[in-house]
Amino acid sequence: MERKFIGAGLFAGLVAGIVSFVFARIFIEPQVAKAIDYEGGRGAAEEALAGHADHAAGGHHHGEEAELFSRSVQENIGAGVGSVVFALAIGALFAVAFTLLWAYVGRRWPSTDPRAVVGVLGLLGFIAVFGVPFFFYPANPPAVGDDDTIGARSGAFLTITLVSVIAMIVAVVVALQLRDRLGGLGGATVAGIGYLVVITVAKLLLPEFHEVPEAVKNEQGAIVFPGFPGGVIADFRVYAIANQVVLWTVLTLVFAAAISAFIRRNAQSAADLVDASR
C-alpha cells in the first residue's frame, strides 16, 4: 500500500507540475519579460551615464550574446522541466507525509475519511512550504535584488522554510496528542499558537532585504531612468501566489482521488475474502 501511495504522490505531482507550468507560462512569464526589458534598459542608462554609451550593448543585460540558453529555451524547456521536477519532489514528500499521518490517524480513529486527511495535509503543506516563507521573503522578478546579497537572501529563505516545515510537523504531532484531552479544535489551537511563536522568533532572528531598484539619476539629480515599476512586482507576486495555489490544489485533489480509489478497492477485496471464507 505504501508503494501505491508513493506512486499516487508522483502521479499527482506530475499532473500538478504540468498544470502549474502552463499557468506560469501564461501569466508569470510576461512579467518576467517586462523585468528583463527593464534590466536591459537600466543597464544601458547606467553605462551611458558613466560615459560608456558606445559600449552599452555589451553591458549587463539579458541580450542573446550574454545568455548560455536563449529566452525561448529558458521559458519553455527550462521552466517546464523545473516546474515538473519540483512538483514531483513535492508529490513524493506529500505521499510520505500522508503515509505516516494516515498510519496514526487511521489506527486511532478508523472512521476518519482519508480524503479529509489529504485535504488538511494539503492546506498545511501549502502554508508551511510556501505560504509562510513567501510572506517573509516574497518572490521577486529579475532585476530586483542585489547580486552581492543573493547568498544571504537564499540562506534566509531556506532557513525560514526549514523552520516552518519542522515547526508544522511538530504542531501536527502536538495537535494529535492533545485531541483526546482538548478536542480537535482545542488541540489545533494550541498547536497553531506554538507554530506561530516559533515562526515569529525565527523571523526576528533573520535579516530583512529591501532591494527594489530606485531611479537612476545624473549628477544634477535629474532622473535619467525610472525605478523598477511597482506594478510589475505586484503582478509577479500575485501570479506567483496563484501559481502555488493551483499546484497545491491540483496535487491535493488528484492525490485524494487516487487514495480514495486505492482504499475503496482494498476494502472491497477484504470484503470479498470474508465472503469467500464463509
C-alpha atoms as a PDB file:
ATOM      1  CA  MET A   1       0.000   0.000   0.000  1.00  0.00           C
ATOM      2  CA  GLU A   2       2.828   2.389   0.847  1.00  0.00           C
ATOM      3  CA  ARG A   3       4.282   1.989  -2.641  1.00  0.00           C
ATOM      4  CA  LYS A   4       0.887   2.772  -4.118  1.00  0.00           C
ATOM      5  CA  PHE A   5       0.744   5.925  -2.008  1.00  0.00           C
ATOM      6  CA  ILE A   6       4.163   6.995  -3.317  1.00  0.00           C
ATOM      7  CA  GLY A   7       3.045   6.250  -6.867  1.00  0.00           C
ATOM      8  CA  ALA A   8      -0.088   8.306  -6.321  1.00  0.00           C
ATOM      9  CA  GLY A   9       2.036  11.156  -4.987  1.00  0.00           C
ATOM     10  CA  LEU A  10       4.331  11.100  -8.013  1.00  0.00           C
ATOM     11  CA  PHE A  11       1.386  10.971 -10.412  1.00  0.00           C
ATOM     12  CA  ALA A  12      -0.349  13.827  -8.605  1.00  0.00           C
ATOM     13  CA  GLY A  13       2.910  15.796  -8.653  1.00  0.00           C
ATOM     14  CA  LEU A  14       3.318  15.216 -12.384  1.00  0.00           C
ATOM     15  CA  VAL A  15      -0.193  16.470 -13.138  1.00  0.00           C
ATOM     16  CA  ALA A  16       0.202  19.431 -10.774  1.00  0.00           C
ATOM     17  CA  GLY A  17       3.590  20.315 -12.278  1.00  0.00           C
ATOM     18  CA  ILE A  18       2.234  20.371 -15.824  1.00  0.00           C
ATOM     19  CA  VAL A  19      -0.775  22.478 -14.848  1.00  0.00           C
ATOM     20  CA  SER A  20       1.320  24.927 -12.820  1.00  0.00           C
ATOM     21  CA  PHE A  21       3.801  25.300 -15.692  1.00  0.00           C
ATOM     22  CA  VAL A  22       1.022  26.145 -18.121  1.00  0.00           C
ATOM     23  CA  PHE A  23      -0.315  28.707 -15.658  1.00  0.00           C
ATOM     24  CA  ALA A  24       3.146  30.213 -15.150  1.00  0.00           C
ATOM     25  CA  ARG A  25       3.814  30.308 -18.887  1.00  0.00           C
ATOM     26  CA  ILE A  26       0.629  32.267 -19.489  1.00  0.00           C
ATOM     27  CA  PHE A  27       0.621  34.648 -16.519  1.00  0.00           C
ATOM     28  CA  ILE A  28       4.086  34.831 -14.917  1.00  0.00           C
ATOM     29  CA  GLU A  29       6.330  34.789 -17.977  1.00  0.00           C
ATOM     30  CA  PRO A  30       5.043  38.148 -19.317  1.00  0.00           C
ATOM     31  CA  GLN A  31       6.018  39.774 -16.003  1.00  0.00           C
ATOM     32  CA  VAL A  32       9.481  38.197 -16.238  1.00  0.00           C
ATOM     33  CA  ALA A  33       9.846  39.571 -19.761  1.00  0.00           C
ATOM     34  CA  LYS A  34       8.944  43.062 -18.526  1.00  0.00           C
ATOM     35  CA  ALA A  35      11.526  42.782 -15.750  1.00  0.00           C
ATOM     36  CA  ILE A  36      14.227  41.684 -18.202  1.00  0.00           C
ATOM     37  CA  ASP A  37      13.400  44.571 -20.518  1.00  0.00           C
ATOM     38  CA  TYR A  38      13.707  46.951 -17.582  1.00  0.00           C
ATOM     39  CA  GLU A  39      17.050  45.451 -16.555  1.00  0.00           C
ATOM     40  CA  GLY A  40      18.417  45.870 -20.069  1.00  0.00           C
ATOM     41  CA  GLY A  41      17.247  49.479 -20.273  1.00  0.00           C
ATOM     42  CA  ARG A  42      18.622  50.305 -16.851  1.00  0.00           C
ATOM     43  CA  GLY A  43      21.991  48.775 -17.675  1.00  0.00           C
ATOM     44  CA  ALA A  44      22.229  50.854 -20.835  1.00  0.00           C
ATOM     45  CA  ALA A  45      21.255  54.007 -18.953  1.00  0.00           C
ATOM     46  CA  GLU A  46      23.873  53.406 -16.251  1.00  0.00           C
ATOM     47  CA  GLU A  47      26.605  52.844 -18.836  1.00  0.00           C
ATOM     48  CA  ALA A  48      25.583  55.912 -20.768  1.00  0.00           C
ATOM     49  CA  LEU A  49      25.641  57.924 -17.563  1.00  0.00           C
ATOM     50  CA  ALA A  50      29.143  56.625 -16.833  1.00  0.00           C
ATOM     51  CA  GLY A  51      30.334  57.836 -20.227  1.00  0.00           C
ATOM     52  CA  HIS A  52      30.370  54.468 -21.977  1.00  0.00           C
ATOM     53  CA  ALA A  53      27.329  54.859 -24.194  1.00  0.00           C
ATOM     54  CA  ASP A  54      29.245  53.477 -27.170  1.00  0.00           C
ATOM     55  CA  HIS A  55      29.631  50.162 -25.322  1.00  0.00           C
ATOM     56  CA  ALA A  56      26.092  49.971 -23.928  1.00  0.00           C
ATOM     57  CA  ALA A  57      25.260  46.898 -25.966  1.00  0.00           C
ATOM     58  CA  GLY A  58      27.956  44.947 -24.145  1.00  0.00           C
ATOM     59  CA  GLY A  59      26.788  45.903 -20.655  1.00  0.00           C
ATOM     60  CA  HIS A  60      24.957  43.849 -18.060  1.00  0.00           C
ATOM     61  CA  HIS A  61      21.736  42.835 -19.710  1.00  0.00           C
ATOM     62  CA  HIS A  62      19.889  39.803 -20.949  1.00  0.00           C
ATOM     63  CA  GLY A  63      20.897  40.011 -24.549  1.00  0.00           C
ATOM     64  CA  GLU A  64      21.319  36.935 -26.692  1.00  0.00           C
ATOM     65  CA  GLU A  65      25.154  37.053 -26.599  1.00  0.00           C
ATOM     66  CA  ALA A  66      25.243  37.042 -22.799  1.00  0.00           C
ATOM     67  CA  GLU A  67      22.990  34.012 -22.406  1.00  0.00           C
ATOM     68  CA  LEU A  68      24.024  30.385 -22.290  1.00  0.00           C
ATOM     69  CA  PHE A  69      20.482  29.448 -23.296  1.00  0.00           C
ATOM     70  CA  SER A  70      18.058  31.559 -25.299  1.00  0.00           C
ATOM     71  CA  ARG A  71      14.981  33.088 -23.712  1.00  0.00           C
ATOM     72  CA  SER A  72      12.833  30.645 -25.665  1.00  0.00           C
ATOM     73  CA  VAL A  73      14.662  27.666 -24.178  1.00  0.00           C
ATOM     74  CA  GLN A  74      14.554  29.172 -20.687  1.00  0.00           C
ATOM     75  CA  GLU A  75      10.846  29.998 -20.664  1.00  0.00           C
ATOM     76  CA  ASN A  76       9.708  26.757 -22.273  1.00  0.00           C
ATOM     77  CA  ILE A  77      12.062  23.809 -21.725  1.00  0.00           C
ATOM     78  CA  GLY A  78      13.902  25.125 -18.663  1.00  0.00           C
ATOM     79  CA  ALA A  79      10.827  26.394 -16.834  1.00  0.00           C
ATOM     80  CA  GLY A  80       8.808  23.332 -17.817  1.00  0.00           C
ATOM     81  CA  VAL A  81      11.372  20.839 -16.559  1.00  0.00           C
ATOM     82  CA  GLY A  82      11.922  22.852 -13.388  1.00  0.00           C
ATOM     83  CA  SER A  83       8.198  23.040 -12.645  1.00  0.00           C
ATOM     84  CA  VAL A  84       7.635  19.315 -13.172  1.00  0.00           C
ATOM     85  CA  VAL A  85      10.707  18.224 -11.170  1.00  0.00           C
ATOM     86  CA  PHE A  86       9.737  20.487  -8.270  1.00  0.00           C
ATOM     87  CA  ALA A  87       6.159  19.192  -8.312  1.00  0.00           C
ATOM     88  CA  LEU A  88       7.342  15.565  -8.440  1.00  0.00           C
ATOM     89  CA  ALA A  89       9.503  16.163  -5.365  1.00  0.00           C
ATOM     90  CA  ILE A  90       6.600  17.801  -3.541  1.00  0.00           C
ATOM     91  CA  GLY A  91       4.322  14.934  -4.588  1.00  0.00           C
ATOM     92  CA  ALA A  92       6.727  12.327  -3.232  1.00  0.00           C
ATOM     93  CA  LEU A  93       7.126  14.163   0.089  1.00  0.00           C
ATOM     94  CA  PHE A  94       3.361  14.646   0.242  1.00  0.00           C
ATOM     95  CA  ALA A  95       2.853  10.896  -0.167  1.00  0.00           C
ATOM     96  CA  VAL A  96       5.378  10.095   2.566  1.00  0.00           C
ATOM     97  CA  ALA A  97       3.722  12.588   4.926  1.00  0.00           C
ATOM     98  CA  PHE A  98       0.276  11.117   4.202  1.00  0.00           C
ATOM     99  CA  THR A  99       1.525   7.558   4.727  1.00  0.00           C
ATOM    100  CA  LEU A 100       2.876   8.416   8.177  1.00  0.00           C
ATOM    101  CA  LEU A 101      -0.123  10.522   9.152  1.00  0.00           C
ATOM    102  CA  TRP A 102      -2.699   8.025   7.936  1.00  0.00           C
ATOM    103  CA  ALA A 103      -0.943   5.165   9.739  1.00  0.00           C
ATOM    104  CA  TYR A 104      -1.578   7.017  13.001  1.00  0.00           C
ATOM    105  CA  VAL A 105      -4.958   8.611  12.307  1.00  0.00           C
ATOM    106  CA  GLY A 106      -6.434   5.525  10.640  1.00  0.00           C
ATOM    107  CA  ARG A 107      -5.477   3.396  13.635  1.00  0.00           C
ATOM    108  CA  ARG A 108      -6.689   5.835  16.314  1.00  0.00           C
ATOM    109  CA  TRP A 109      -9.849   6.983  14.534  1.00  0.00           C
ATOM    110  CA  PRO A 110     -10.817   4.319  11.966  1.00  0.00           C
ATOM    111  CA  SER A 111     -13.902   6.205  10.798  1.00  0.00           C
ATOM    112  CA  THR A 112     -11.835   9.137   9.530  1.00  0.00           C
ATOM    113  CA  ASP A 113     -12.235   9.832   5.814  1.00  0.00           C
ATOM    114  CA  PRO A 114      -8.777   9.614   4.182  1.00  0.00           C
ATOM    115  CA  ARG A 115      -9.772  12.403   1.791  1.00  0.00           C
ATOM    116  CA  ALA A 116     -10.194  14.716   4.771  1.00  0.00           C
ATOM    117  CA  VAL A 117      -6.681  13.839   5.914  1.00  0.00           C
ATOM    118  CA  VAL A 118      -5.366  14.582   2.414  1.00  0.00           C
ATOM    119  CA  GLY A 119      -7.191  17.908   2.360  1.00  0.00           C
ATOM    120  CA  VAL A 120      -5.809  19.007   5.722  1.00  0.00           C
ATOM    121  CA  LEU A 121      -2.336  17.848   4.726  1.00  0.00           C
ATOM    122  CA  GLY A 122      -2.551  19.848   1.500  1.00  0.00           C
ATOM    123  CA  LEU A 123      -3.547  23.007   3.353  1.00  0.00           C
ATOM    124  CA  LEU A 124      -0.835  22.623   6.000  1.00  0.00           C
ATOM    125  CA  GLY A 125       1.744  21.807   3.342  1.00  0.00           C
ATOM    126  CA  PHE A 126       0.867  24.926   1.371  1.00  0.00           C
ATOM    127  CA  ILE A 127       1.186  27.076   4.487  1.00  0.00           C
ATOM    128  CA  ALA A 128       4.462  25.551   5.704  1.00  0.00           C
ATOM    129  CA  VAL A 129       6.286  25.082   2.403  1.00  0.00           C
ATOM    130  CA  PHE A 130       5.115  28.162   0.533  1.00  0.00           C
ATOM    131  CA  GLY A 131       2.836  30.491   2.469  1.00  0.00           C
ATOM    132  CA  VAL A 132       4.998  31.429   5.445  1.00  0.00           C
ATOM    133  CA  PRO A 133       8.341  31.637   3.568  1.00  0.00           C
ATOM    134  CA  PHE A 134       6.707  33.727   0.838  1.00  0.00           C
ATOM    135  CA  PHE A 135       5.116  36.059   3.392  1.00  0.00           C
ATOM    136  CA  PHE A 136       8.505  36.922   4.878  1.00  0.00           C
ATOM    137  CA  TYR A 137      10.579  36.715   1.697  1.00  0.00           C
ATOM    138  CA  PRO A 138       8.262  37.238  -1.290  1.00  0.00           C
ATOM    139  CA  ALA A 139       9.451  36.206  -4.725  1.00  0.00           C
ATOM    140  CA  ASN A 140      10.874  38.923  -6.961  1.00  0.00           C
ATOM    141  CA  PRO A 141      11.152  39.151 -10.743  1.00  0.00           C
ATOM    142  CA  PRO A 142      14.559  39.522 -12.438  1.00  0.00           C
ATOM    143  CA  ALA A 143      16.403  42.837 -11.804  1.00  0.00           C
ATOM    144  CA  VAL A 144      15.029  43.082  -8.255  1.00  0.00           C
ATOM    145  CA  GLY A 145      17.684  42.285  -5.676  1.00  0.00           C
ATOM    146  CA  ASP A 146      21.384  42.945  -5.185  1.00  0.00           C
ATOM    147  CA  ASP A 147      23.793  40.367  -6.614  1.00  0.00           C
ATOM    148  CA  ASP A 148      26.017  40.824  -3.565  1.00  0.00           C
ATOM    149  CA  THR A 149      23.272  39.620  -1.205  1.00  0.00           C
ATOM    150  CA  ILE A 150      21.942  36.685  -3.213  1.00  0.00           C
ATOM    151  CA  GLY A 151      23.694  34.192  -0.926  1.00  0.00           C
ATOM    152  CA  ALA A 152      22.306  35.804   2.222  1.00  0.00           C
ATOM    153  CA  ARG A 153      18.814  36.010   0.742  1.00  0.00           C
ATOM    154  CA  SER A 154      18.855  32.386  -0.380  1.00  0.00           C
ATOM    155  CA  GLY A 155      20.135  31.261   3.006  1.00  0.00           C
ATOM    156  CA  ALA A 156      17.487  33.226   4.883  1.00  0.00           C
ATOM    157  CA  PHE A 157      14.713  31.848   2.661  1.00  0.00           C
ATOM    158  CA  LEU A 158      15.945  28.270   3.055  1.00  0.00           C
ATOM    159  CA  THR A 159      16.231  28.727   6.819  1.00  0.00           C
ATOM    160  CA  ILE A 160      12.688  30.031   7.282  1.00  0.00           C
ATOM    161  CA  THR A 161      11.386  27.252   5.013  1.00  0.00           C
ATOM    162  CA  LEU A 162      13.088  24.514   7.042  1.00  0.00           C
ATOM    163  CA  VAL A 163      11.963  26.060  10.330  1.00  0.00           C
ATOM    164  CA  SER A 164       8.412  26.365   9.009  1.00  0.00           C
ATOM    165  CA  VAL A 165       8.244  22.747   7.829  1.00  0.00           C
ATOM    166  CA  ILE A 166       9.771  21.318  11.022  1.00  0.00           C
ATOM    167  CA  ALA A 167       7.565  23.514  13.234  1.00  0.00           C
ATOM    168  CA  MET A 168       4.494  22.402  11.274  1.00  0.00           C
ATOM    169  CA  ILE A 169       5.376  18.730  11.722  1.00  0.00           C
ATOM    170  CA  VAL A 170       5.757  19.262  15.463  1.00  0.00           C
ATOM    171  CA  ALA A 171       2.489  21.214  15.542  1.00  0.00           C
ATOM    172  CA  VAL A 172       0.611  18.357  13.858  1.00  0.00           C
ATOM    173  CA  VAL A 173       2.038  15.836  16.332  1.00  0.00           C
ATOM    174  CA  VAL A 174       1.058  18.073  19.255  1.00  0.00           C
ATOM    175  CA  ALA A 175      -2.450  18.597  17.883  1.00  0.00           C
ATOM    176  CA  LEU A 176      -2.990  14.860  17.517  1.00  0.00           C
ATOM    177  CA  GLN A 177      -1.677  14.154  21.011  1.00  0.00           C
ATOM    178  CA  LEU A 178      -3.973  16.793  22.527  1.00  0.00           C
ATOM    179  CA  ARG A 179      -7.069  15.817  20.551  1.00  0.00           C
ATOM    180  CA  ASP A 180      -8.421  13.373  23.137  1.00  0.00           C
ATOM    181  CA  ARG A 181      -7.899  15.823  26.035  1.00  0.00           C
ATOM    182  CA  LEU A 182      -8.796  19.155  24.434  1.00  0.00           C
ATOM    183  CA  GLY A 183     -10.788  18.089  21.416  1.00  0.00           C
ATOM    184  CA  GLY A 184      -9.873  18.644  17.796  1.00  0.00           C
ATOM    185  CA  LEU A 185     -10.328  22.422  17.869  1.00  0.00           C
ATOM    186  CA  GLY A 186      -8.548  22.870  21.207  1.00  0.00           C
ATOM    187  CA  GLY A 187      -5.567  20.776  20.189  1.00  0.00           C
ATOM    188  CA  ALA A 188      -5.304  22.545  16.836  1.00  0.00           C
ATOM    189  CA  THR A 189      -5.465  25.952  18.537  1.00  0.00           C
ATOM    190  CA  VAL A 190      -2.661  25.167  20.978  1.00  0.00           C
ATOM    191  CA  ALA A 191      -0.516  23.687  18.211  1.00  0.00           C
ATOM    192  CA  GLY A 192      -1.226  26.634  15.922  1.00  0.00           C
ATOM    193  CA  ILE A 193      -0.193  29.158  18.562  1.00  0.00           C
ATOM    194  CA  GLY A 194       3.033  27.245  19.160  1.00  0.00           C
ATOM    195  CA  TYR A 195       3.741  27.217  15.432  1.00  0.00           C
ATOM    196  CA  LEU A 196       3.238  30.973  15.141  1.00  0.00           C
ATOM    197  CA  VAL A 197       5.519  31.627  18.119  1.00  0.00           C
ATOM    198  CA  VAL A 198       8.326  29.579  16.565  1.00  0.00           C
ATOM    199  CA  ILE A 199       7.936  31.285  13.178  1.00  0.00           C
ATOM    200  CA  THR A 200       7.880  34.741  14.761  1.00  0.00           C
ATOM    201  CA  VAL A 201      11.060  34.102  16.752  1.00  0.00           C
ATOM    202  CA  ALA A 202      12.800  32.703  13.664  1.00  0.00           C
ATOM    203  CA  LYS A 203      11.872  35.732  11.585  1.00  0.00           C
ATOM    204  CA  LEU A 204      13.121  38.149  14.240  1.00  0.00           C
ATOM    205  CA  LEU A 205      16.500  36.433  14.085  1.00  0.00           C
ATOM    206  CA  LEU A 206      16.726  36.536  10.285  1.00  0.00           C
ATOM    207  CA  PRO A 207      17.735  39.573   8.180  1.00  0.00           C
ATOM    208  CA  GLU A 208      15.422  41.717   6.084  1.00  0.00           C
ATOM    209  CA  PHE A 209      16.019  42.709   2.470  1.00  0.00           C
ATOM    210  CA  HIS A 210      14.600  45.752   0.676  1.00  0.00           C
ATOM    211  CA  GLU A 211      16.363  45.937  -2.663  1.00  0.00           C
ATOM    212  CA  VAL A 212      13.911  47.246  -5.253  1.00  0.00           C
ATOM    213  CA  PRO A 213      15.956  49.334  -7.737  1.00  0.00           C
ATOM    214  CA  GLU A 214      15.386  53.073  -7.429  1.00  0.00           C
ATOM    215  CA  ALA A 215      15.553  55.602 -10.240  1.00  0.00           C
ATOM    216  CA  VAL A 216      18.892  56.277 -11.942  1.00  0.00           C
ATOM    217  CA  LYS A 217      19.898  59.922 -11.545  1.00  0.00           C
ATOM    218  CA  ASN A 218      22.638  62.031 -13.069  1.00  0.00           C
ATOM    219  CA  GLU A 219      24.996  64.324 -11.176  1.00  0.00           C
ATOM    220  CA  GLN A 220      22.392  67.081 -11.209  1.00  0.00           C
ATOM    221  CA  GLY A 221      19.821  64.809  -9.564  1.00  0.00           C
ATOM    222  CA  ALA A 222      17.660  64.516 -12.653  1.00  0.00           C
ATOM    223  CA  ILE A 223      16.071  61.117 -13.307  1.00  0.00           C
ATOM    224  CA  VAL A 224      17.518  59.508 -16.435  1.00  0.00           C
ATOM    225  CA  PHE A 225      15.837  56.145 -15.945  1.00  0.00           C
ATOM    226  CA  PRO A 226      12.867  55.300 -13.696  1.00  0.00           C
ATOM    227  CA  GLY A 227      12.885  52.937 -10.744  1.00  0.00           C
ATOM    228  CA  PHE A 228      11.568  49.418 -11.071  1.00  0.00           C
ATOM    229  CA  PRO A 229       7.829  49.547 -11.821  1.00  0.00           C
ATOM    230  CA  GLY A 230       5.834  48.577  -8.731  1.00  0.00           C
ATOM    231  CA  GLY A 231       3.022  47.190 -10.865  1.00  0.00           C
ATOM    232  CA  VAL A 232       5.312  44.515 -12.300  1.00  0.00           C
ATOM    233  CA  ILE A 233       6.404  43.416  -8.816  1.00  0.00           C
ATOM    234  CA  ALA A 234       2.806  43.317  -7.591  1.00  0.00           C
ATOM    235  CA  ASP A 235       1.564  41.339 -10.604  1.00  0.00           C
ATOM    236  CA  PHE A 236       4.514  38.952 -10.412  1.00  0.00           C
ATOM    237  CA  ARG A 237       3.867  38.188  -6.747  1.00  0.00           C
ATOM    238  CA  VAL A 238       0.113  37.815  -7.184  1.00  0.00           C
ATOM    239  CA  TYR A 239       0.590  35.358 -10.023  1.00  0.00           C
ATOM    240  CA  ALA A 240       3.320  33.534  -8.062  1.00  0.00           C
ATOM    241  CA  ILE A 241       0.855  33.012  -5.210  1.00  0.00           C
ATOM    242  CA  ALA A 242      -1.883  31.928  -7.612  1.00  0.00           C
ATOM    243  CA  ASN A 243       0.514  29.510  -9.293  1.00  0.00           C
ATOM    244  CA  GLN A 244       1.284  27.797  -5.981  1.00  0.00           C
ATOM    245  CA  VAL A 245      -2.416  27.687  -5.107  1.00  0.00           C
ATOM    246  CA  VAL A 246      -3.021  25.927  -8.422  1.00  0.00           C
ATOM    247  CA  LEU A 247      -0.144  23.497  -7.836  1.00  0.00           C
ATOM    248  CA  TRP A 248      -1.174  22.523  -4.304  1.00  0.00           C
ATOM    249  CA  THR A 249      -4.878  22.342  -5.182  1.00  0.00           C
ATOM    250  CA  VAL A 250      -4.318  20.051  -8.167  1.00  0.00           C
ATOM    251  CA  LEU A 251      -1.828  17.953  -6.190  1.00  0.00           C
ATOM    252  CA  THR A 252      -4.267  17.535  -3.299  1.00  0.00           C
ATOM    253  CA  LEU A 253      -7.307  16.755  -5.451  1.00  0.00           C
ATOM    254  CA  VAL A 254      -5.533  14.219  -7.673  1.00  0.00           C
ATOM    255  CA  PHE A 255      -3.870  12.535  -4.702  1.00  0.00           C
ATOM    256  CA  ALA A 256      -7.168  12.403  -2.781  1.00  0.00           C
ATOM    257  CA  ALA A 257      -8.922  10.796  -5.744  1.00  0.00           C
ATOM    258  CA  ALA A 258      -6.166   8.191  -6.148  1.00  0.00           C
ATOM    259  CA  ILE A 259      -6.014   7.385  -2.426  1.00  0.00           C
ATOM    260  CA  SER A 260      -9.777   7.076  -2.199  1.00  0.00           C
ATOM    261  CA  ALA A 261      -9.751   4.610  -5.094  1.00  0.00           C
ATOM    262  CA  PHE A 262      -6.955   2.542  -3.510  1.00  0.00           C
ATOM    263  CA  ILE A 263      -8.617   2.322  -0.119  1.00  0.00           C
ATOM    264  CA  ARG A 264     -12.027   1.543  -1.602  1.00  0.00           C
ATOM    265  CA  ARG A 265     -10.503  -1.209  -3.746  1.00  0.00           C
ATOM    266  CA  ASN A 266      -8.699  -2.717  -0.757  1.00  0.00           C
ATOM    267  CA  ALA A 267     -11.860  -2.602   1.328  1.00  0.00           C
ATOM    268  CA  GLN A 268     -13.766  -4.372  -1.435  1.00  0.00           C
ATOM    269  CA  SER A 269     -11.042  -7.021  -1.744  1.00  0.00           C
ATOM    270  CA  ALA A 270     -11.157  -7.598   2.018  1.00  0.00           C
ATOM    271  CA  ALA A 271     -14.921  -7.944   1.911  1.00  0.00           C
ATOM    272  CA  ASP A 272     -14.694 -10.420  -0.952  1.00  0.00           C
ATOM    273  CA  LEU A 273     -12.185 -12.523   1.026  1.00  0.00           C
ATOM    274  CA  VAL A 274     -14.510 -12.574   4.032  1.00  0.00           C
ATOM    275  CA  ASP A 275     -17.452 -13.649   1.865  1.00  0.00           C
ATOM    276  CA  ALA A 276     -15.350 -16.341   0.203  1.00  0.00           C
ATOM    277  CA  SER A 277     -14.273 -17.791   3.560  1.00  0.00           C
ATOM    278  CA  ARG A 278     -17.824 -18.269   4.745  1.00  0.00           C
END
